[in-house]
Amino acid sequence: MSRSVYRRERGWRLRWALLVQGDLLAACLAYLLAFLLRAAVPFPLTQGYLPALRFAEVHHHWIALLGAQLGVLYFLGLYEPRALTNPRAQAGAIGAAAALQALVLIAVYFFRQDLLFPRSIFVVFAGVNAALLFAWRLGSRSLMGAYPRRRVLVVGTNATAAEVIDTIRVQHWLGMDIVGAVSGDGSGPAALGARGAARALRAP
């Protein structure tokens, strides 16, 4: 791996770590805001305002909260390069991740027998968490920049090589650029047919 490629990938990892920290902070803020909103705003299907002192009367499973945040985002592919570079297209997945995390927390509080925990907090938390995550992903898009790309030389002369080239060129999120194709022994250009060869030998 060249030094320039290594520096780009190292910079991407650092930015990715910063993104993860922002996701964890979003979970904490959403949790605190859920209590604040329930104490200040009357929500339908609830019994009035939530007393502010209720926050100190219940248990808070912070480790489960943060672990669930990272787990559901990873499970739904929201740490993939294509999700990080185009967050608007992942709005539905972000909402689903927030809802799934709320379900995970409900299960944690149930098995821990914290049955007095106000259930409305989970609903408010899911909505606020989704909004914060989406705003954070939009705001950090310029920070993440473009995913480091690799220049790829395809070795092969059959239809499979041509299919690989077509796949790489269509799936831009893979972070690969085709620079050419050679025969199996590396002695010369591969014979991939007129269409395949033209695509393979066209420099990005």
N, C-alpha and C. Protein backbone atom coordinates (compact mmCIF):
# COMPACT_ATOMS: atom_id res chain seq x y z
N MET A 1 0.85 -1.19 0.00
CA MET A 1 0.00 0.00 0.00
C MET A 1 0.89 1.25 0.00
N SER A 2 0.64 2.17 -0.89
CA SER A 2 1.44 3.38 -0.97
C SER A 2 1.19 4.27 0.25
N ARG A 3 2.14 5.19 0.49
CA ARG A 3 2.00 6.08 1.64
C ARG A 3 0.79 7.00 1.50
N SER A 4 0.52 7.46 0.26
CA SER A 4 -0.62 8.35 0.07
C SER A 4 -1.93 7.64 0.36
N VAL A 5 -2.05 6.39 -0.10
CA VAL A 5 -3.27 5.62 0.17
C VAL A 5 -3.40 5.36 1.67
N TYR A 6 -2.27 5.05 2.32
CA TYR A 6 -2.29 4.79 3.76
C TYR A 6 -2.74 6.02 4.53
N ARG A 7 -2.23 7.19 4.14
CA ARG A 7 -2.63 8.42 4.82
C ARG A 7 -4.12 8.69 4.63
N ARG A 8 -4.63 8.46 3.40
CA ARG A 8 -6.06 8.69 3.16
C ARG A 8 -6.91 7.75 4.01
N GLU A 9 -6.51 6.47 4.09
CA GLU A 9 -7.30 5.52 4.86
C GLU A 9 -7.20 5.82 6.36
N ARG A 10 -6.02 6.26 6.81
CA ARG A 10 -5.88 6.62 8.22
C ARG A 10 -6.75 7.82 8.56
N GLY A 11 -6.76 8.82 7.66
CA GLY A 11 -7.62 9.97 7.88
C GLY A 11 -9.08 9.59 7.89
N TRP A 12 -9.48 8.64 7.04
CA TRP A 12 -10.88 8.18 7.01
C TRP A 12 -11.23 7.50 8.33
N ARG A 13 -10.32 6.70 8.86
CA ARG A 13 -10.59 6.01 10.14
C ARG A 13 -10.76 7.02 11.27
N LEU A 14 -9.96 8.04 11.28
CA LEU A 14 -10.08 9.07 12.33
C LEU A 14 -11.42 9.79 12.23
N ARG A 15 -11.83 10.11 11.01
CA ARG A 15 -13.13 10.76 10.83
C ARG A 15 -14.27 9.82 11.19
N TRP A 16 -14.10 8.54 10.89
CA TRP A 16 -15.11 7.55 11.23
C TRP A 16 -15.25 7.43 12.75
N ALA A 17 -14.11 7.47 13.47
CA ALA A 17 -14.16 7.42 14.93
C ALA A 17 -14.87 8.64 15.49
N LEU A 18 -14.65 9.80 14.89
CA LEU A 18 -15.35 11.01 15.33
C LEU A 18 -16.85 10.89 15.07
N LEU A 19 -17.22 10.27 13.96
CA LEU A 19 -18.63 10.06 13.66
C LEU A 19 -19.28 9.17 14.72
N VAL A 20 -18.58 8.11 15.12
CA VAL A 20 -19.10 7.21 16.14
C VAL A 20 -19.32 7.95 17.46
N GLN A 21 -18.37 8.80 17.84
CA GLN A 21 -18.54 9.57 19.06
C GLN A 21 -19.75 10.49 18.97
N GLY A 22 -19.98 11.07 17.79
CA GLY A 22 -21.17 11.89 17.62
C GLY A 22 -22.44 11.09 17.75
N ASP A 23 -22.45 9.86 17.25
CA ASP A 23 -23.62 8.99 17.39
C ASP A 23 -23.90 8.68 18.86
N LEU A 24 -22.84 8.42 19.61
CA LEU A 24 -23.01 8.14 21.04
C LEU A 24 -23.53 9.37 21.78
N LEU A 25 -23.00 10.53 21.42
CA LEU A 25 -23.47 11.77 22.05
C LEU A 25 -24.94 12.02 21.71
N ALA A 26 -25.33 11.72 20.47
CA ALA A 26 -26.73 11.89 20.07
C ALA A 26 -27.65 11.02 20.92
N ALA A 27 -27.23 9.80 21.24
CA ALA A 27 -28.04 8.91 22.06
C ALA A 27 -28.22 9.49 23.46
N CYS A 28 -27.14 9.99 24.04
CA CYS A 28 -27.22 10.56 25.39
C CYS A 28 -28.12 11.80 25.41
N LEU A 29 -27.93 12.68 24.43
CA LEU A 29 -28.74 13.89 24.37
C LEU A 29 -30.22 13.55 24.16
N ALA A 30 -30.49 12.59 23.28
CA ALA A 30 -31.88 12.20 23.02
C ALA A 30 -32.54 11.65 24.28
N TYR A 31 -31.78 10.87 25.04
CA TYR A 31 -32.32 10.30 26.28
C TYR A 31 -32.66 11.40 27.29
N LEU A 32 -31.76 12.35 27.46
CA LEU A 32 -32.00 13.44 28.40
C LEU A 32 -33.13 14.35 27.92
N LEU A 33 -33.14 14.63 26.62
CA LEU A 33 -34.20 15.47 26.07
C LEU A 33 -35.57 14.80 26.16
N ALA A 34 -35.60 13.48 26.10
CA ALA A 34 -36.88 12.77 26.23
C ALA A 34 -37.50 13.05 27.60
N PHE A 35 -36.70 13.01 28.65
CA PHE A 35 -37.22 13.33 29.99
C PHE A 35 -37.62 14.79 30.08
N LEU A 36 -36.80 15.66 29.49
CA LEU A 36 -37.10 17.10 29.55
C LEU A 36 -38.40 17.41 28.82
N LEU A 37 -38.59 16.82 27.65
CA LEU A 37 -39.82 17.07 26.88
C LEU A 37 -41.05 16.51 27.59
N ARG A 38 -40.91 15.35 28.20
CA ARG A 38 -42.07 14.78 28.92
C ARG A 38 -42.44 15.61 30.13
N ALA A 39 -41.46 16.29 30.71
CA ALA A 39 -41.75 17.13 31.87
C ALA A 39 -42.29 18.49 31.49
N ALA A 40 -42.08 18.91 30.24
CA ALA A 40 -42.46 20.26 29.83
C ALA A 40 -43.59 20.29 28.81
N VAL A 41 -43.80 19.19 28.08
CA VAL A 41 -44.78 19.18 26.99
C VAL A 41 -45.81 18.08 27.26
N PRO A 42 -47.09 18.40 27.18
CA PRO A 42 -48.12 17.36 27.35
C PRO A 42 -48.27 16.54 26.07
N PHE A 43 -48.04 15.26 26.14
CA PHE A 43 -48.15 14.38 24.99
C PHE A 43 -49.49 13.65 25.03
N PRO A 44 -50.08 13.38 23.88
CA PRO A 44 -51.34 12.61 23.88
C PRO A 44 -51.13 11.21 24.40
N LEU A 45 -52.20 10.64 24.93
CA LEU A 45 -52.21 9.28 25.47
C LEU A 45 -51.29 9.12 26.68
N THR A 46 -50.98 10.21 27.35
CA THR A 46 -50.19 10.15 28.58
C THR A 46 -50.95 10.84 29.70
N GLN A 47 -50.59 10.54 30.93
CA GLN A 47 -51.27 11.11 32.10
C GLN A 47 -50.57 12.39 32.54
N GLY A 48 -50.74 13.43 31.76
CA GLY A 48 -50.19 14.72 32.12
C GLY A 48 -48.69 14.78 31.98
N TYR A 49 -48.10 15.71 32.72
CA TYR A 49 -46.66 15.91 32.66
C TYR A 49 -45.93 14.87 33.51
N LEU A 50 -44.71 14.57 33.11
CA LEU A 50 -43.88 13.67 33.90
C LEU A 50 -43.14 14.50 34.95
N PRO A 51 -43.25 14.15 36.22
CA PRO A 51 -42.54 14.91 37.26
C PRO A 51 -41.04 14.94 37.00
N ALA A 52 -40.44 16.11 37.18
CA ALA A 52 -39.01 16.24 36.90
C ALA A 52 -38.17 15.35 37.80
N LEU A 53 -38.64 15.10 39.02
CA LEU A 53 -37.90 14.26 39.95
C LEU A 53 -37.90 12.79 39.54
N ARG A 54 -38.72 12.44 38.58
CA ARG A 54 -38.80 11.03 38.17
C ARG A 54 -37.47 10.56 37.56
N PHE A 55 -36.71 11.49 37.01
CA PHE A 55 -35.42 11.12 36.42
C PHE A 55 -34.48 10.52 37.46
N ALA A 56 -34.54 11.04 38.69
CA ALA A 56 -33.66 10.54 39.75
C ALA A 56 -34.22 9.31 40.43
N GLU A 57 -35.46 8.93 40.13
CA GLU A 57 -36.10 7.81 40.81
C GLU A 57 -35.99 6.49 40.05
N VAL A 58 -35.54 6.54 38.80
CA VAL A 58 -35.48 5.33 37.99
C VAL A 58 -34.03 5.00 37.67
N HIS A 59 -33.81 3.75 37.27
CA HIS A 59 -32.47 3.32 36.88
C HIS A 59 -32.20 3.71 35.42
N HIS A 60 -30.96 3.99 35.13
CA HIS A 60 -30.56 4.37 33.78
C HIS A 60 -29.46 3.42 33.30
N HIS A 61 -29.76 2.67 32.28
CA HIS A 61 -28.81 1.67 31.76
C HIS A 61 -28.02 2.31 30.60
N TRP A 62 -27.03 3.09 30.97
CA TRP A 62 -26.28 3.86 29.96
C TRP A 62 -25.49 2.95 29.03
N ILE A 63 -24.89 1.90 29.57
CA ILE A 63 -24.09 1.00 28.73
C ILE A 63 -24.96 0.33 27.67
N ALA A 64 -26.13 -0.12 28.09
CA ALA A 64 -27.06 -0.74 27.14
C ALA A 64 -27.53 0.29 26.11
N LEU A 65 -27.74 1.52 26.55
CA LEU A 65 -28.17 2.58 25.64
C LEU A 65 -27.13 2.84 24.56
N LEU A 66 -25.88 2.99 24.97
CA LEU A 66 -24.82 3.28 24.01
C LEU A 66 -24.51 2.07 23.13
N GLY A 67 -24.50 0.90 23.74
CA GLY A 67 -24.24 -0.31 22.96
C GLY A 67 -25.31 -0.56 21.91
N ALA A 68 -26.57 -0.32 22.29
CA ALA A 68 -27.66 -0.51 21.33
C ALA A 68 -27.58 0.51 20.20
N GLN A 69 -27.15 1.73 20.52
CA GLN A 69 -27.02 2.76 19.48
C GLN A 69 -26.03 2.32 18.39
N LEU A 70 -24.87 1.89 18.81
CA LEU A 70 -23.86 1.46 17.84
C LEU A 70 -24.27 0.16 17.15
N GLY A 71 -24.88 -0.74 17.92
CA GLY A 71 -25.25 -2.04 17.35
C GLY A 71 -26.27 -1.95 16.23
N VAL A 72 -27.33 -1.18 16.45
CA VAL A 72 -28.37 -1.09 15.42
C VAL A 72 -27.89 -0.31 14.21
N LEU A 73 -27.07 0.72 14.43
CA LEU A 73 -26.53 1.48 13.29
C LEU A 73 -25.63 0.60 12.44
N TYR A 74 -24.83 -0.22 13.09
CA TYR A 74 -23.95 -1.13 12.34
C TYR A 74 -24.76 -2.22 11.66
N PHE A 75 -25.75 -2.76 12.36
CA PHE A 75 -26.57 -3.84 11.80
C PHE A 75 -27.32 -3.40 10.56
N LEU A 76 -27.77 -2.16 10.52
CA LEU A 76 -28.52 -1.65 9.38
C LEU A 76 -27.62 -1.02 8.31
N GLY A 77 -26.32 -1.19 8.45
CA GLY A 77 -25.39 -0.73 7.42
C GLY A 77 -25.18 0.77 7.37
N LEU A 78 -25.42 1.46 8.48
CA LEU A 78 -25.29 2.91 8.48
C LEU A 78 -23.87 3.40 8.75
N TYR A 79 -22.94 2.46 8.83
CA TYR A 79 -21.52 2.83 8.87
C TYR A 79 -20.81 2.46 7.58
N GLU A 80 -21.56 2.02 6.57
CA GLU A 80 -20.97 1.73 5.27
C GLU A 80 -20.64 3.04 4.55
N PRO A 81 -19.63 3.04 3.68
CA PRO A 81 -19.26 4.28 2.97
C PRO A 81 -20.42 4.93 2.22
N ARG A 82 -21.25 4.12 1.55
CA ARG A 82 -22.34 4.71 0.78
C ARG A 82 -23.38 5.37 1.67
N ALA A 83 -23.52 4.88 2.92
CA ALA A 83 -24.46 5.50 3.85
C ALA A 83 -23.89 6.80 4.42
N LEU A 84 -22.60 6.84 4.62
CA LEU A 84 -21.98 8.02 5.21
C LEU A 84 -21.86 9.16 4.21
N THR A 85 -21.68 8.82 2.93
CA THR A 85 -21.52 9.86 1.93
C THR A 85 -22.84 10.36 1.36
N ASN A 86 -23.94 9.65 1.62
CA ASN A 86 -25.25 10.07 1.13
C ASN A 86 -26.29 9.85 2.22
N PRO A 87 -26.25 10.66 3.29
CA PRO A 87 -27.16 10.42 4.43
C PRO A 87 -28.62 10.67 4.11
N ARG A 88 -28.92 11.54 3.13
CA ARG A 88 -30.33 11.79 2.82
C ARG A 88 -31.04 10.52 2.36
N ALA A 89 -30.33 9.68 1.63
CA ALA A 89 -30.93 8.44 1.14
C ALA A 89 -31.14 7.43 2.26
N GLN A 90 -30.54 7.67 3.44
CA GLN A 90 -30.63 6.72 4.54
C GLN A 90 -31.59 7.20 5.64
N ALA A 91 -32.44 8.18 5.32
CA ALA A 91 -33.36 8.70 6.33
C ALA A 91 -34.27 7.61 6.89
N GLY A 92 -34.78 6.75 6.03
CA GLY A 92 -35.63 5.67 6.49
C GLY A 92 -34.90 4.68 7.38
N ALA A 93 -33.66 4.36 6.98
CA ALA A 93 -32.87 3.43 7.79
C ALA A 93 -32.52 4.03 9.14
N ILE A 94 -32.27 5.33 9.19
CA ILE A 94 -31.97 5.98 10.47
C ILE A 94 -33.20 5.93 11.38
N GLY A 95 -34.38 6.20 10.83
CA GLY A 95 -35.61 6.09 11.62
C GLY A 95 -35.84 4.68 12.12
N ALA A 96 -35.58 3.69 11.26
CA ALA A 96 -35.74 2.30 11.67
C ALA A 96 -34.74 1.93 12.76
N ALA A 97 -33.52 2.48 12.68
CA ALA A 97 -32.51 2.20 13.69
C ALA A 97 -32.94 2.76 15.05
N ALA A 98 -33.50 3.97 15.05
CA ALA A 98 -33.95 4.56 16.31
C ALA A 98 -35.10 3.76 16.91
N ALA A 99 -36.02 3.31 16.07
CA ALA A 99 -37.14 2.50 16.57
C ALA A 99 -36.65 1.15 17.11
N LEU A 100 -35.71 0.53 16.38
CA LEU A 100 -35.18 -0.75 16.82
C LEU A 100 -34.42 -0.61 18.14
N GLN A 101 -33.69 0.48 18.29
CA GLN A 101 -32.98 0.70 19.54
C GLN A 101 -33.95 0.86 20.70
N ALA A 102 -35.05 1.56 20.47
CA ALA A 102 -36.04 1.71 21.53
C ALA A 102 -36.61 0.35 21.95
N LEU A 103 -36.83 -0.53 20.99
CA LEU A 103 -37.30 -1.88 21.32
C LEU A 103 -36.27 -2.66 22.12
N VAL A 104 -35.00 -2.50 21.76
CA VAL A 104 -33.94 -3.16 22.52
C VAL A 104 -33.92 -2.66 23.97
N LEU A 105 -34.07 -1.36 24.15
CA LEU A 105 -34.07 -0.80 25.50
C LEU A 105 -35.28 -1.26 26.30
N ILE A 106 -36.42 -1.37 25.63
CA ILE A 106 -37.61 -1.88 26.31
C ILE A 106 -37.35 -3.29 26.83
N ALA A 107 -36.69 -4.12 26.00
CA ALA A 107 -36.37 -5.48 26.43
C ALA A 107 -35.39 -5.47 27.60
N VAL A 108 -34.41 -4.58 27.56
CA VAL A 108 -33.43 -4.50 28.66
C VAL A 108 -34.12 -4.12 29.96
N TYR A 109 -34.96 -3.10 29.91
CA TYR A 109 -35.64 -2.66 31.14
C TYR A 109 -36.62 -3.73 31.63
N PHE A 110 -37.21 -4.48 30.70
CA PHE A 110 -38.14 -5.54 31.11
C PHE A 110 -37.40 -6.66 31.84
N PHE A 111 -36.29 -7.13 31.26
CA PHE A 111 -35.56 -8.23 31.89
C PHE A 111 -34.83 -7.80 33.15
N ARG A 112 -34.56 -6.50 33.28
CA ARG A 112 -33.97 -6.00 34.52
C ARG A 112 -35.05 -5.70 35.57
N GLN A 113 -36.30 -5.93 35.21
CA GLN A 113 -37.44 -5.73 36.12
C GLN A 113 -37.60 -4.27 36.55
N ASP A 114 -37.19 -3.35 35.65
CA ASP A 114 -37.44 -1.93 35.91
C ASP A 114 -38.79 -1.55 35.29
N LEU A 115 -39.83 -2.12 35.88
CA LEU A 115 -41.16 -1.99 35.29
C LEU A 115 -41.81 -0.63 35.60
N LEU A 116 -41.24 0.13 36.52
CA LEU A 116 -41.79 1.44 36.84
C LEU A 116 -41.24 2.54 35.94
N PHE A 117 -40.36 2.19 35.05
CA PHE A 117 -39.79 3.19 34.14
C PHE A 117 -40.90 3.70 33.22
N PRO A 118 -41.04 5.02 33.05
CA PRO A 118 -42.13 5.56 32.20
C PRO A 118 -41.98 5.12 30.75
N ARG A 119 -42.97 4.40 30.26
CA ARG A 119 -42.89 3.83 28.90
C ARG A 119 -42.90 4.91 27.82
N SER A 120 -43.52 6.05 28.11
CA SER A 120 -43.58 7.10 27.09
C SER A 120 -42.19 7.64 26.75
N ILE A 121 -41.24 7.48 27.64
CA ILE A 121 -39.87 7.95 27.39
C ILE A 121 -39.28 7.24 26.18
N PHE A 122 -39.58 5.96 26.03
CA PHE A 122 -39.04 5.21 24.90
C PHE A 122 -39.52 5.78 23.57
N VAL A 123 -40.80 6.15 23.52
CA VAL A 123 -41.36 6.69 22.28
C VAL A 123 -40.73 8.04 21.94
N VAL A 124 -40.66 8.91 22.95
CA VAL A 124 -40.07 10.24 22.72
C VAL A 124 -38.59 10.10 22.38
N PHE A 125 -37.91 9.21 23.08
CA PHE A 125 -36.48 9.00 22.82
C PHE A 125 -36.24 8.56 21.39
N ALA A 126 -37.07 7.65 20.87
CA ALA A 126 -36.87 7.17 19.51
C ALA A 126 -37.00 8.31 18.49
N GLY A 127 -38.02 9.16 18.68
CA GLY A 127 -38.20 10.28 17.75
C GLY A 127 -37.07 11.29 17.81
N VAL A 128 -36.67 11.66 19.03
CA VAL A 128 -35.60 12.65 19.18
C VAL A 128 -34.27 12.07 18.70
N ASN A 129 -34.03 10.82 18.99
CA ASN A 129 -32.79 10.18 18.57
C ASN A 129 -32.69 10.13 17.04
N ALA A 130 -33.78 9.79 16.38
CA ALA A 130 -33.77 9.76 14.91
C ALA A 130 -33.48 11.14 14.34
N ALA A 131 -34.08 12.17 14.92
CA ALA A 131 -33.85 13.53 14.43
C ALA A 131 -32.40 13.96 14.64
N LEU A 132 -31.85 13.66 15.81
CA LEU A 132 -30.47 14.05 16.08
C LEU A 132 -29.49 13.28 15.20
N LEU A 133 -29.74 12.00 15.00
CA LEU A 133 -28.86 11.21 14.15
C LEU A 133 -28.87 11.72 12.72
N PHE A 134 -30.05 12.02 12.21
CA PHE A 134 -30.14 12.50 10.83
C PHE A 134 -29.45 13.85 10.69
N ALA A 135 -29.66 14.74 11.66
CA ALA A 135 -29.01 16.05 11.61
C ALA A 135 -27.49 15.90 11.71
N TRP A 136 -27.03 14.99 12.56
CA TRP A 136 -25.58 14.78 12.72
C TRP A 136 -24.97 14.20 11.45
N ARG A 137 -25.67 13.24 10.84
CA ARG A 137 -25.14 12.65 9.60
C ARG A 137 -25.09 13.68 8.48
N LEU A 138 -26.10 14.54 8.39
CA LEU A 138 -26.08 15.59 7.37
C LEU A 138 -24.94 16.58 7.64
N GLY A 139 -24.79 16.99 8.90
CA GLY A 139 -23.76 17.96 9.23
C GLY A 139 -22.36 17.42 9.08
N SER A 140 -22.17 16.11 9.26
CA SER A 140 -20.84 15.53 9.19
C SER A 140 -20.49 15.01 7.80
N ARG A 141 -21.39 15.20 6.84
CA ARG A 141 -21.10 14.69 5.49
C ARG A 141 -19.86 15.35 4.91
N SER A 142 -19.72 16.67 5.09
CA SER A 142 -18.53 17.34 4.59
C SER A 142 -17.28 16.92 5.36
N LEU A 143 -17.45 16.58 6.64
CA LEU A 143 -16.32 16.10 7.43
C LEU A 143 -15.82 14.76 6.92
N MET A 144 -16.75 13.86 6.58
CA MET A 144 -16.34 12.53 6.12
C MET A 144 -15.66 12.60 4.77
N GLY A 145 -16.11 13.53 3.90
CA GLY A 145 -15.50 13.65 2.59
C GLY A 145 -15.73 12.41 1.75
N ALA A 146 -14.84 12.18 0.80
CA ALA A 146 -14.95 11.03 -0.09
C ALA A 146 -14.17 9.85 0.48
N TYR A 147 -14.74 8.66 0.32
CA TYR A 147 -14.07 7.46 0.78
C TYR A 147 -12.81 7.22 -0.05
N PRO A 148 -11.67 6.85 0.59
CA PRO A 148 -10.44 6.60 -0.17
C PRO A 148 -10.66 5.55 -1.25
N ARG A 149 -10.27 5.87 -2.47
CA ARG A 149 -10.48 4.96 -3.59
C ARG A 149 -9.19 4.25 -3.93
N ARG A 150 -9.33 3.03 -4.47
CA ARG A 150 -8.18 2.22 -4.88
C ARG A 150 -8.22 2.04 -6.39
N ARG A 151 -7.05 2.06 -6.99
CA ARG A 151 -6.92 1.80 -8.42
C ARG A 151 -6.68 0.31 -8.60
N VAL A 152 -7.51 -0.32 -9.43
CA VAL A 152 -7.54 -1.77 -9.54
C VAL A 152 -7.15 -2.19 -10.96
N LEU A 153 -6.26 -3.19 -11.05
CA LEU A 153 -5.91 -3.82 -12.32
C LEU A 153 -6.50 -5.22 -12.32
N VAL A 154 -7.40 -5.51 -13.27
CA VAL A 154 -8.08 -6.79 -13.33
C VAL A 154 -7.23 -7.77 -14.11
N VAL A 155 -7.03 -8.97 -13.54
CA VAL A 155 -6.27 -10.03 -14.20
C VAL A 155 -7.26 -11.10 -14.63
N GLY A 156 -7.36 -11.34 -15.93
CA GLY A 156 -8.27 -12.36 -16.44
C GLY A 156 -8.66 -12.09 -17.87
N THR A 157 -9.10 -13.17 -18.55
CA THR A 157 -9.45 -13.05 -19.97
C THR A 157 -10.84 -13.55 -20.27
N ASN A 158 -11.57 -14.00 -19.28
CA ASN A 158 -12.87 -14.62 -19.54
C ASN A 158 -14.01 -13.67 -19.21
N ALA A 159 -15.22 -14.22 -19.35
CA ALA A 159 -16.41 -13.40 -19.11
C ALA A 159 -16.54 -12.98 -17.66
N THR A 160 -15.96 -13.79 -16.74
CA THR A 160 -16.03 -13.44 -15.33
C THR A 160 -15.29 -12.14 -15.05
N ALA A 161 -14.13 -11.96 -15.70
CA ALA A 161 -13.37 -10.73 -15.53
C ALA A 161 -14.18 -9.53 -16.03
N ALA A 162 -14.85 -9.70 -17.17
CA ALA A 162 -15.67 -8.61 -17.70
C ALA A 162 -16.82 -8.29 -16.76
N GLU A 163 -17.38 -9.33 -16.13
CA GLU A 163 -18.47 -9.11 -15.17
C GLU A 163 -17.98 -8.37 -13.94
N VAL A 164 -16.77 -8.72 -13.49
CA VAL A 164 -16.19 -8.03 -12.33
C VAL A 164 -15.99 -6.55 -12.65
N ILE A 165 -15.50 -6.26 -13.85
CA ILE A 165 -15.28 -4.87 -14.26
C ILE A 165 -16.60 -4.11 -14.29
N ASP A 166 -17.62 -4.72 -14.87
CA ASP A 166 -18.93 -4.05 -14.93
C ASP A 166 -19.47 -3.78 -13.53
N THR A 167 -19.31 -4.76 -12.63
CA THR A 167 -19.81 -4.60 -11.27
C THR A 167 -19.11 -3.46 -10.54
N ILE A 168 -17.78 -3.40 -10.66
CA ILE A 168 -17.02 -2.35 -9.98
C ILE A 168 -17.39 -0.98 -10.52
N ARG A 169 -17.60 -0.87 -11.82
CA ARG A 169 -17.92 0.43 -12.40
C ARG A 169 -19.32 0.89 -12.01
N VAL A 170 -20.24 -0.03 -11.82
CA VAL A 170 -21.61 0.34 -11.44
C VAL A 170 -21.69 0.66 -9.95
N GLN A 171 -21.02 -0.16 -9.13
CA GLN A 171 -21.08 0.01 -7.68
C GLN A 171 -19.97 0.96 -7.24
N HIS A 172 -20.22 2.27 -7.38
CA HIS A 172 -19.19 3.26 -7.05
C HIS A 172 -18.83 3.25 -5.57
N TRP A 173 -19.76 2.84 -4.73
CA TRP A 173 -19.50 2.87 -3.29
C TRP A 173 -18.42 1.88 -2.87
N LEU A 174 -18.01 0.96 -3.75
CA LEU A 174 -16.94 0.03 -3.41
C LEU A 174 -15.60 0.73 -3.27
N GLY A 175 -15.49 1.94 -3.83
CA GLY A 175 -14.24 2.70 -3.71
C GLY A 175 -13.12 2.18 -4.59
N MET A 176 -13.46 1.65 -5.76
CA MET A 176 -12.45 1.11 -6.67
C MET A 176 -12.57 1.75 -8.04
N ASP A 177 -11.42 1.99 -8.67
CA ASP A 177 -11.36 2.52 -10.02
C ASP A 177 -10.57 1.55 -10.89
N ILE A 178 -11.18 1.11 -11.99
CA ILE A 178 -10.50 0.21 -12.91
C ILE A 178 -9.51 1.01 -13.76
N VAL A 179 -8.26 0.57 -13.75
CA VAL A 179 -7.24 1.23 -14.57
C VAL A 179 -6.85 0.40 -15.78
N GLY A 180 -7.26 -0.87 -15.81
CA GLY A 180 -6.91 -1.69 -16.96
C GLY A 180 -7.14 -3.15 -16.67
N ALA A 181 -6.82 -3.98 -17.67
CA ALA A 181 -6.96 -5.43 -17.53
C ALA A 181 -5.85 -6.10 -18.32
N VAL A 182 -5.30 -7.19 -17.75
CA VAL A 182 -4.23 -7.94 -18.41
C VAL A 182 -4.62 -9.40 -18.47
N SER A 183 -3.95 -10.16 -19.31
CA SER A 183 -4.21 -11.59 -19.41
C SER A 183 -3.72 -12.31 -18.17
N GLY A 184 -4.03 -13.57 -18.09
CA GLY A 184 -3.72 -14.32 -16.88
C GLY A 184 -2.26 -14.34 -16.49
N ASP A 185 -1.36 -14.35 -17.48
CA ASP A 185 0.07 -14.36 -17.16
C ASP A 185 0.66 -12.97 -17.02
N GLY A 186 -0.18 -11.93 -17.16
CA GLY A 186 0.28 -10.56 -17.00
C GLY A 186 1.09 -10.04 -18.14
N SER A 187 1.08 -10.74 -19.28
CA SER A 187 1.94 -10.34 -20.39
C SER A 187 1.35 -9.26 -21.27
N GLY A 188 0.04 -9.12 -21.29
CA GLY A 188 -0.56 -8.14 -22.16
C GLY A 188 -2.00 -7.88 -21.83
N PRO A 189 -2.65 -6.98 -22.56
CA PRO A 189 -4.06 -6.68 -22.30
C PRO A 189 -4.94 -7.91 -22.44
N ALA A 190 -5.95 -7.99 -21.60
CA ALA A 190 -6.88 -9.12 -21.66
C ALA A 190 -7.86 -8.94 -22.80
N ALA A 191 -8.26 -10.06 -23.38
CA ALA A 191 -9.26 -10.03 -24.45
C ALA A 191 -10.62 -10.24 -23.83
N LEU A 192 -11.27 -9.14 -23.50
CA LEU A 192 -12.57 -9.22 -22.82
C LEU A 192 -13.72 -8.94 -23.76
N GLY A 193 -13.46 -8.88 -25.02
CA GLY A 193 -14.50 -8.48 -25.94
C GLY A 193 -14.48 -6.99 -26.14
N ALA A 194 -15.15 -6.51 -27.17
CA ALA A 194 -15.10 -5.09 -27.50
C ALA A 194 -15.65 -4.23 -26.38
N ARG A 195 -16.81 -4.61 -25.82
CA ARG A 195 -17.43 -3.80 -24.79
C ARG A 195 -16.62 -3.86 -23.49
N GLY A 196 -16.20 -5.08 -23.09
CA GLY A 196 -15.47 -5.22 -21.85
C GLY A 196 -14.12 -4.56 -21.91
N ALA A 197 -13.41 -4.72 -23.01
CA ALA A 197 -12.07 -4.15 -23.12
C ALA A 197 -12.12 -2.63 -23.11
N ALA A 198 -13.13 -2.09 -23.79
CA ALA A 198 -13.25 -0.63 -23.84
C ALA A 198 -13.50 -0.06 -22.46
N ARG A 199 -14.32 -0.75 -21.67
CA ARG A 199 -14.57 -0.27 -20.33
C ARG A 199 -13.38 -0.48 -19.42
N ALA A 200 -12.67 -1.60 -19.61
CA ALA A 200 -11.58 -1.91 -18.72
C ALA A 200 -10.41 -0.97 -18.91
N LEU A 201 -10.11 -0.62 -20.16
CA LEU A 201 -8.92 0.16 -20.45
C LEU A 201 -9.17 1.65 -20.42
N ARG A 202 -10.40 2.07 -20.09
CA ARG A 202 -10.68 3.49 -19.98
C ARG A 202 -10.27 3.98 -18.61
N ALA A 203 -9.27 4.82 -18.54
CA ALA A 203 -8.75 5.30 -17.25
C ALA A 203 -9.79 6.17 -16.58
N PRO A 204 -9.90 6.11 -15.22
CA PRO A 204 -10.88 6.92 -14.50
C PRO A 204 -10.48 8.40 -14.53
